[in-house]
Amino acid sequence: MKISIKDITSLPDQNKKFAGNCDLHEFSYLGSNFSINHVKPFDVVLSMIGSKKLHIEFTSECTISGECDRCLTSVSFMVPVSIDETVEVSEGQVVMDEDIGPYSFVDGEDIDIDELILNEILLNFPAKILCQDDCKGICPVCGKNRNIEPCGCDDTVLDPRMAQFLDVFNSFKEVK
């Protein structure tokens, strides 16, 4: 969804409300693909602060689906979206900030709401996506999902830096 700022920038100290929607349905992050299943309805409020600053504000929640980081089963989770952005405007267009460069959500005279939502999703994205807090993951030996059934494989992973100590301990084992 794109919103033209041309009309609002000519109205100092005024605001306009728009019914927001999200046209973004999928995105990639850290090599994984995710789907946006639902975005809670929201209203975008554009407010002019004097004649030089434009304030963009809205709040929503997104339901996102992807794969569990441990067992690869499908999982859905909520990500909050809260936009509170102020940009400088001049002659109906957003002025680039010298410190941060061009805004990714500005396209000429338009504000790209989908880009604002995506930026906020990425900022609030969970570090680990798990199907359950105690997810056991996939067995590295046989590949079975350990949440469904235990496999009984020996999955002891030894630190290669400790291999010489293990050799010393094995050399002192008693022979029967």
C-alpha atoms as a PDB file:
ATOM      1  CA  MET A   1       0.000   0.000   0.000  1.00  0.00           C
ATOM      2  CA  LYS A   2       1.313   3.405  -0.951  1.00  0.00           C
ATOM      3  CA  ILE A   3      -0.023   6.691   0.374  1.00  0.00           C
ATOM      4  CA  SER A   4       0.599   9.971  -1.419  1.00  0.00           C
ATOM      5  CA  ILE A   5       1.788  12.729   0.897  1.00  0.00           C
ATOM      6  CA  LYS A   6       1.225  15.534  -1.603  1.00  0.00           C
ATOM      7  CA  ASP A   7      -2.187  16.547  -0.196  1.00  0.00           C
ATOM      8  CA  ILE A   8      -1.224  16.424   3.497  1.00  0.00           C
ATOM      9  CA  THR A   9       2.033  18.400   3.110  1.00  0.00           C
ATOM     10  CA  SER A  10       0.076  21.475   2.005  1.00  0.00           C
ATOM     11  CA  LEU A  11      -1.937  21.445   5.282  1.00  0.00           C
ATOM     12  CA  PRO A  12       0.271  22.682   8.168  1.00  0.00           C
ATOM     13  CA  ASP A  13      -0.677  21.303  11.604  1.00  0.00           C
ATOM     14  CA  GLN A  14      -3.337  19.012  10.105  1.00  0.00           C
ATOM     15  CA  ASN A  15      -3.685  15.245  10.015  1.00  0.00           C
ATOM     16  CA  LYS A  16      -5.297  12.644   7.787  1.00  0.00           C
ATOM     17  CA  LYS A  17      -6.385   9.128   8.593  1.00  0.00           C
ATOM     18  CA  PHE A  18      -6.234   6.269   6.084  1.00  0.00           C
ATOM     19  CA  ALA A  19      -7.507   2.698   6.388  1.00  0.00           C
ATOM     20  CA  GLY A  20      -4.329   0.651   6.156  1.00  0.00           C
ATOM     21  CA  ASN A  21      -3.766  -2.655   4.462  1.00  0.00           C
ATOM     22  CA  CYS A  22      -0.702  -4.749   3.763  1.00  0.00           C
ATOM     23  CA  ASP A  23      -0.007  -6.111   0.284  1.00  0.00           C
ATOM     24  CA  LEU A  24       3.094  -7.972   1.493  1.00  0.00           C
ATOM     25  CA  HIS A  25       2.484 -11.738   1.715  1.00  0.00           C
ATOM     26  CA  GLU A  26       5.949 -13.278   1.973  1.00  0.00           C
ATOM     27  CA  PHE A  27       9.551 -12.334   2.675  1.00  0.00           C
ATOM     28  CA  SER A  28      12.968 -13.908   3.206  1.00  0.00           C
ATOM     29  CA  TYR A  29      15.068 -13.431   6.297  1.00  0.00           C
ATOM     30  CA  LEU A  30      18.413 -15.045   7.169  1.00  0.00           C
ATOM     31  CA  GLY A  31      18.034 -17.573   4.355  1.00  0.00           C
ATOM     32  CA  SER A  32      14.527 -18.727   5.301  1.00  0.00           C
ATOM     33  CA  ASN A  33      11.194 -17.923   3.675  1.00  0.00           C
ATOM     34  CA  PHE A  34       8.239 -16.703   5.724  1.00  0.00           C
ATOM     35  CA  SER A  35       4.581 -16.023   4.933  1.00  0.00           C
ATOM     36  CA  ILE A  36       2.458 -13.246   6.373  1.00  0.00           C
ATOM     37  CA  ASN A  37      -0.894 -14.926   7.016  1.00  0.00           C
ATOM     38  CA  HIS A  38      -2.800 -12.076   8.628  1.00  0.00           C
ATOM     39  CA  VAL A  39      -2.310  -8.422   9.461  1.00  0.00           C
ATOM     40  CA  LYS A  40      -4.583  -6.950  12.114  1.00  0.00           C
ATOM     41  CA  PRO A  41      -6.592  -4.038  10.633  1.00  0.00           C
ATOM     42  CA  PHE A  42      -5.034  -0.644  11.288  1.00  0.00           C
ATOM     43  CA  ASP A  43      -5.414   3.056  10.511  1.00  0.00           C
ATOM     44  CA  VAL A  44      -2.460   5.102   9.267  1.00  0.00           C
ATOM     45  CA  VAL A  45      -2.379   8.650  10.649  1.00  0.00           C
ATOM     46  CA  LEU A  46      -0.298  11.198   8.747  1.00  0.00           C
ATOM     47  CA  SER A  47       0.178  14.453  10.667  1.00  0.00           C
ATOM     48  CA  MET A  48       1.953  17.584   9.628  1.00  0.00           C
ATOM     49  CA  ILE A  49       3.970  19.185  12.422  1.00  0.00           C
ATOM     50  CA  GLY A  50       4.167  22.781  11.306  1.00  0.00           C
ATOM     51  CA  SER A  51       4.988  22.866   7.606  1.00  0.00           C
ATOM     52  CA  LYS A  52       8.325  21.017   7.657  1.00  0.00           C
ATOM     53  CA  LYS A  53       7.759  17.658   9.409  1.00  0.00           C
ATOM     54  CA  LEU A  54       5.495  14.715   8.624  1.00  0.00           C
ATOM     55  CA  HIS A  55       4.605  12.237  11.376  1.00  0.00           C
ATOM     56  CA  ILE A  56       3.539   8.688  10.389  1.00  0.00           C
ATOM     57  CA  GLU A  57       1.839   6.576  13.022  1.00  0.00           C
ATOM     58  CA  PHE A  58       0.020   3.215  13.190  1.00  0.00           C
ATOM     59  CA  THR A  59      -0.050   0.008  15.234  1.00  0.00           C
ATOM     60  CA  SER A  60      -0.880  -3.534  14.173  1.00  0.00           C
ATOM     61  CA  GLU A  61       0.088  -7.192  14.600  1.00  0.00           C
ATOM     62  CA  CYS A  62       1.179  -9.687  11.962  1.00  0.00           C
ATOM     63  CA  THR A  63       0.714 -13.447  12.065  1.00  0.00           C
ATOM     64  CA  ILE A  64       3.692 -15.011  10.353  1.00  0.00           C
ATOM     65  CA  SER A  65       4.314 -18.649   9.481  1.00  0.00           C
ATOM     66  CA  GLY A  66       7.625 -20.363   8.925  1.00  0.00           C
ATOM     67  CA  GLU A  67       9.566 -23.398  10.051  1.00  0.00           C
ATOM     68  CA  CYS A  68      10.757 -24.313  13.538  1.00  0.00           C
ATOM     69  CA  ASP A  69      14.510 -23.737  13.817  1.00  0.00           C
ATOM     70  CA  ARG A  70      15.048 -27.147  15.454  1.00  0.00           C
ATOM     71  CA  CYS A  71      12.592 -29.626  13.885  1.00  0.00           C
ATOM     72  CA  LEU A  72      11.469 -27.823  10.681  1.00  0.00           C
ATOM     73  CA  THR A  73       7.736 -28.242  11.379  1.00  0.00           C
ATOM     74  CA  SER A  74       5.428 -25.421  10.332  1.00  0.00           C
ATOM     75  CA  VAL A  75       4.786 -22.838  13.047  1.00  0.00           C
ATOM     76  CA  SER A  76       2.852 -19.554  13.287  1.00  0.00           C
ATOM     77  CA  PHE A  77       3.764 -16.651  15.554  1.00  0.00           C
ATOM     78  CA  MET A  78       2.775 -13.034  16.149  1.00  0.00           C
ATOM     79  CA  VAL A  79       5.025 -10.031  15.556  1.00  0.00           C
ATOM     80  CA  PRO A  80       3.949  -6.592  16.811  1.00  0.00           C
ATOM     81  CA  VAL A  81       4.130  -3.642  14.421  1.00  0.00           C
ATOM     82  CA  SER A  82       4.269  -0.145  15.877  1.00  0.00           C
ATOM     83  CA  ILE A  83       5.240   2.702  13.557  1.00  0.00           C
ATOM     84  CA  ASP A  84       6.047   6.135  14.962  1.00  0.00           C
ATOM     85  CA  GLU A  85       8.178   7.876  12.356  1.00  0.00           C
ATOM     86  CA  THR A  86       8.834  11.579  11.751  1.00  0.00           C
ATOM     87  CA  VAL A  87      10.429  12.793   8.526  1.00  0.00           C
ATOM     88  CA  GLU A  88      11.276  16.219   7.166  1.00  0.00           C
ATOM     89  CA  VAL A  89       9.376  17.392   4.089  1.00  0.00           C
ATOM     90  CA  SER A  90       9.916  20.163   1.592  1.00  0.00           C
ATOM     91  CA  GLU A  91       7.797  21.055  -1.445  1.00  0.00           C
ATOM     92  CA  GLY A  92       5.604  17.955  -1.069  1.00  0.00           C
ATOM     93  CA  GLN A  93       8.477  15.468  -0.875  1.00  0.00           C
ATOM     94  CA  VAL A  94      10.404  13.780   1.927  1.00  0.00           C
ATOM     95  CA  VAL A  95      13.870  15.241   2.441  1.00  0.00           C
ATOM     96  CA  MET A  96      16.715  12.746   2.805  1.00  0.00           C
ATOM     97  CA  ASP A  97      18.274  12.635   6.273  1.00  0.00           C
ATOM     98  CA  GLU A  98      22.017  13.384   5.992  1.00  0.00           C
ATOM     99  CA  ASP A  99      22.877  11.054   8.893  1.00  0.00           C
ATOM    100  CA  ILE A 100      21.017   7.920   7.735  1.00  0.00           C
ATOM    101  CA  GLY A 101      20.670   8.483   3.993  1.00  0.00           C
ATOM    102  CA  PRO A 102      17.510   7.888   1.959  1.00  0.00           C
ATOM    103  CA  TYR A 103      14.495   6.321   3.630  1.00  0.00           C
ATOM    104  CA  SER A 104      13.647   2.840   2.328  1.00  0.00           C
ATOM    105  CA  PHE A 105       9.922   3.489   2.737  1.00  0.00           C
ATOM    106  CA  VAL A 106       9.814   6.661   0.607  1.00  0.00           C
ATOM    107  CA  ASP A 107       9.151   6.504  -3.127  1.00  0.00           C
ATOM    108  CA  GLY A 108       9.006  10.063  -4.480  1.00  0.00           C
ATOM    109  CA  GLU A 109       5.778  11.564  -3.121  1.00  0.00           C
ATOM    110  CA  ASP A 110       4.554   8.214  -1.739  1.00  0.00           C
ATOM    111  CA  ILE A 111       5.005   6.479   1.604  1.00  0.00           C
ATOM    112  CA  ASP A 112       5.264   2.689   1.187  1.00  0.00           C
ATOM    113  CA  ILE A 113       3.345   1.208   4.128  1.00  0.00           C
ATOM    114  CA  ASP A 114       4.436  -2.356   3.232  1.00  0.00           C
ATOM    115  CA  GLU A 115       8.090  -1.348   3.537  1.00  0.00           C
ATOM    116  CA  LEU A 116       7.429   0.225   6.962  1.00  0.00           C
ATOM    117  CA  ILE A 117       5.696  -2.987   8.079  1.00  0.00           C
ATOM    118  CA  LEU A 118       8.520  -5.201   6.783  1.00  0.00           C
ATOM    119  CA  ASN A 119      11.151  -3.057   8.525  1.00  0.00           C
ATOM    120  CA  GLU A 120       9.244  -3.297  11.798  1.00  0.00           C
ATOM    121  CA  ILE A 121       8.768  -7.073  11.428  1.00  0.00           C
ATOM    122  CA  LEU A 122      12.503  -7.525  10.929  1.00  0.00           C
ATOM    123  CA  LEU A 123      13.273  -5.339  13.961  1.00  0.00           C
ATOM    124  CA  ASN A 124      10.920  -7.370  16.179  1.00  0.00           C
ATOM    125  CA  PHE A 125      11.650 -10.798  14.698  1.00  0.00           C
ATOM    126  CA  PRO A 126      12.271 -13.521  17.308  1.00  0.00           C
ATOM    127  CA  ALA A 127      15.853 -14.771  17.625  1.00  0.00           C
ATOM    128  CA  LYS A 128      14.684 -18.413  17.541  1.00  0.00           C
ATOM    129  CA  ILE A 129      11.439 -19.715  16.104  1.00  0.00           C
ATOM    130  CA  LEU A 130      10.338 -22.802  17.993  1.00  0.00           C
ATOM    131  CA  CYS A 131       7.209 -24.936  17.658  1.00  0.00           C
ATOM    132  CA  GLN A 132       7.278 -25.407  21.441  1.00  0.00           C
ATOM    133  CA  ASP A 133       9.612 -24.235  24.192  1.00  0.00           C
ATOM    134  CA  ASP A 134      11.045 -27.722  24.758  1.00  0.00           C
ATOM    135  CA  CYS A 135      11.406 -28.723  21.084  1.00  0.00           C
ATOM    136  CA  LYS A 136      13.827 -31.661  20.844  1.00  0.00           C
ATOM    137  CA  GLY A 137      14.640 -31.106  17.181  1.00  0.00           C
ATOM    138  CA  ILE A 138      15.800 -33.567  14.565  1.00  0.00           C
ATOM    139  CA  CYS A 139      18.212 -36.401  15.403  1.00  0.00           C
ATOM    140  CA  PRO A 140      21.558 -35.633  13.736  1.00  0.00           C
ATOM    141  CA  VAL A 141      22.201 -39.374  13.246  1.00  0.00           C
ATOM    142  CA  CYS A 142      18.960 -40.788  11.760  1.00  0.00           C
ATOM    143  CA  GLY A 143      17.017 -37.599  10.911  1.00  0.00           C
ATOM    144  CA  LYS A 144      13.824 -38.423  12.844  1.00  0.00           C
ATOM    145  CA  ASN A 145      11.810 -35.681  14.533  1.00  0.00           C
ATOM    146  CA  ARG A 146      12.453 -36.375  18.240  1.00  0.00           C
ATOM    147  CA  ASN A 147       9.221 -34.587  19.220  1.00  0.00           C
ATOM    148  CA  ILE A 148       7.188 -37.336  17.496  1.00  0.00           C
ATOM    149  CA  GLU A 149       9.165 -40.397  18.579  1.00  0.00           C
ATOM    150  CA  PRO A 150      12.471 -41.044  20.324  1.00  0.00           C
ATOM    151  CA  CYS A 151      15.013 -42.708  18.067  1.00  0.00           C
ATOM    152  CA  GLY A 152      17.542 -44.096  20.566  1.00  0.00           C
ATOM    153  CA  CYS A 153      20.572 -43.009  18.531  1.00  0.00           C
ATOM    154  CA  ASP A 154      23.813 -42.114  20.294  1.00  0.00           C
ATOM    155  CA  ASP A 155      24.112 -38.435  19.481  1.00  0.00           C
ATOM    156  CA  THR A 156      26.944 -37.588  21.846  1.00  0.00           C
ATOM    157  CA  VAL A 157      29.035 -34.932  20.168  1.00  0.00           C
ATOM    158  CA  LEU A 158      32.542 -34.689  21.490  1.00  0.00           C
ATOM    159  CA  ASP A 159      34.526 -31.505  21.316  1.00  0.00           C
ATOM    160  CA  PRO A 160      37.456 -32.200  18.930  1.00  0.00           C
ATOM    161  CA  ARG A 161      39.732 -30.096  21.133  1.00  0.00           C
ATOM    162  CA  MET A 162      39.264 -32.666  23.901  1.00  0.00           C
ATOM    163  CA  ALA A 163      40.104 -35.692  21.724  1.00  0.00           C
ATOM    164  CA  GLN A 164      43.627 -36.078  23.159  1.00  0.00           C
ATOM    165  CA  PHE A 165      42.231 -36.238  26.709  1.00  0.00           C
ATOM    166  CA  LEU A 166      39.799 -38.933  25.602  1.00  0.00           C
ATOM    167  CA  ASP A 167      42.719 -40.933  24.166  1.00  0.00           C
ATOM    168  CA  VAL A 168      44.558 -40.691  27.498  1.00  0.00           C
ATOM    169  CA  PHE A 169      41.484 -41.877  29.432  1.00  0.00           C
ATOM    170  CA  ASN A 170      40.922 -44.761  26.989  1.00  0.00           C
ATOM    171  CA  SER A 171      44.548 -45.901  27.313  1.00  0.00           C
ATOM    172  CA  PHE A 172      44.120 -46.327  31.092  1.00  0.00           C
ATOM    173  CA  LYS A 173      41.015 -48.524  30.844  1.00  0.00           C
ATOM    174  CA  GLU A 174      41.380 -51.917  32.406  1.00  0.00           C
ATOM    175  CA  VAL A 175      41.574 -54.853  30.075  1.00  0.00           C
ATOM    176  CA  LYS A 176      39.317 -57.776  31.092  1.00  0.00           C
END
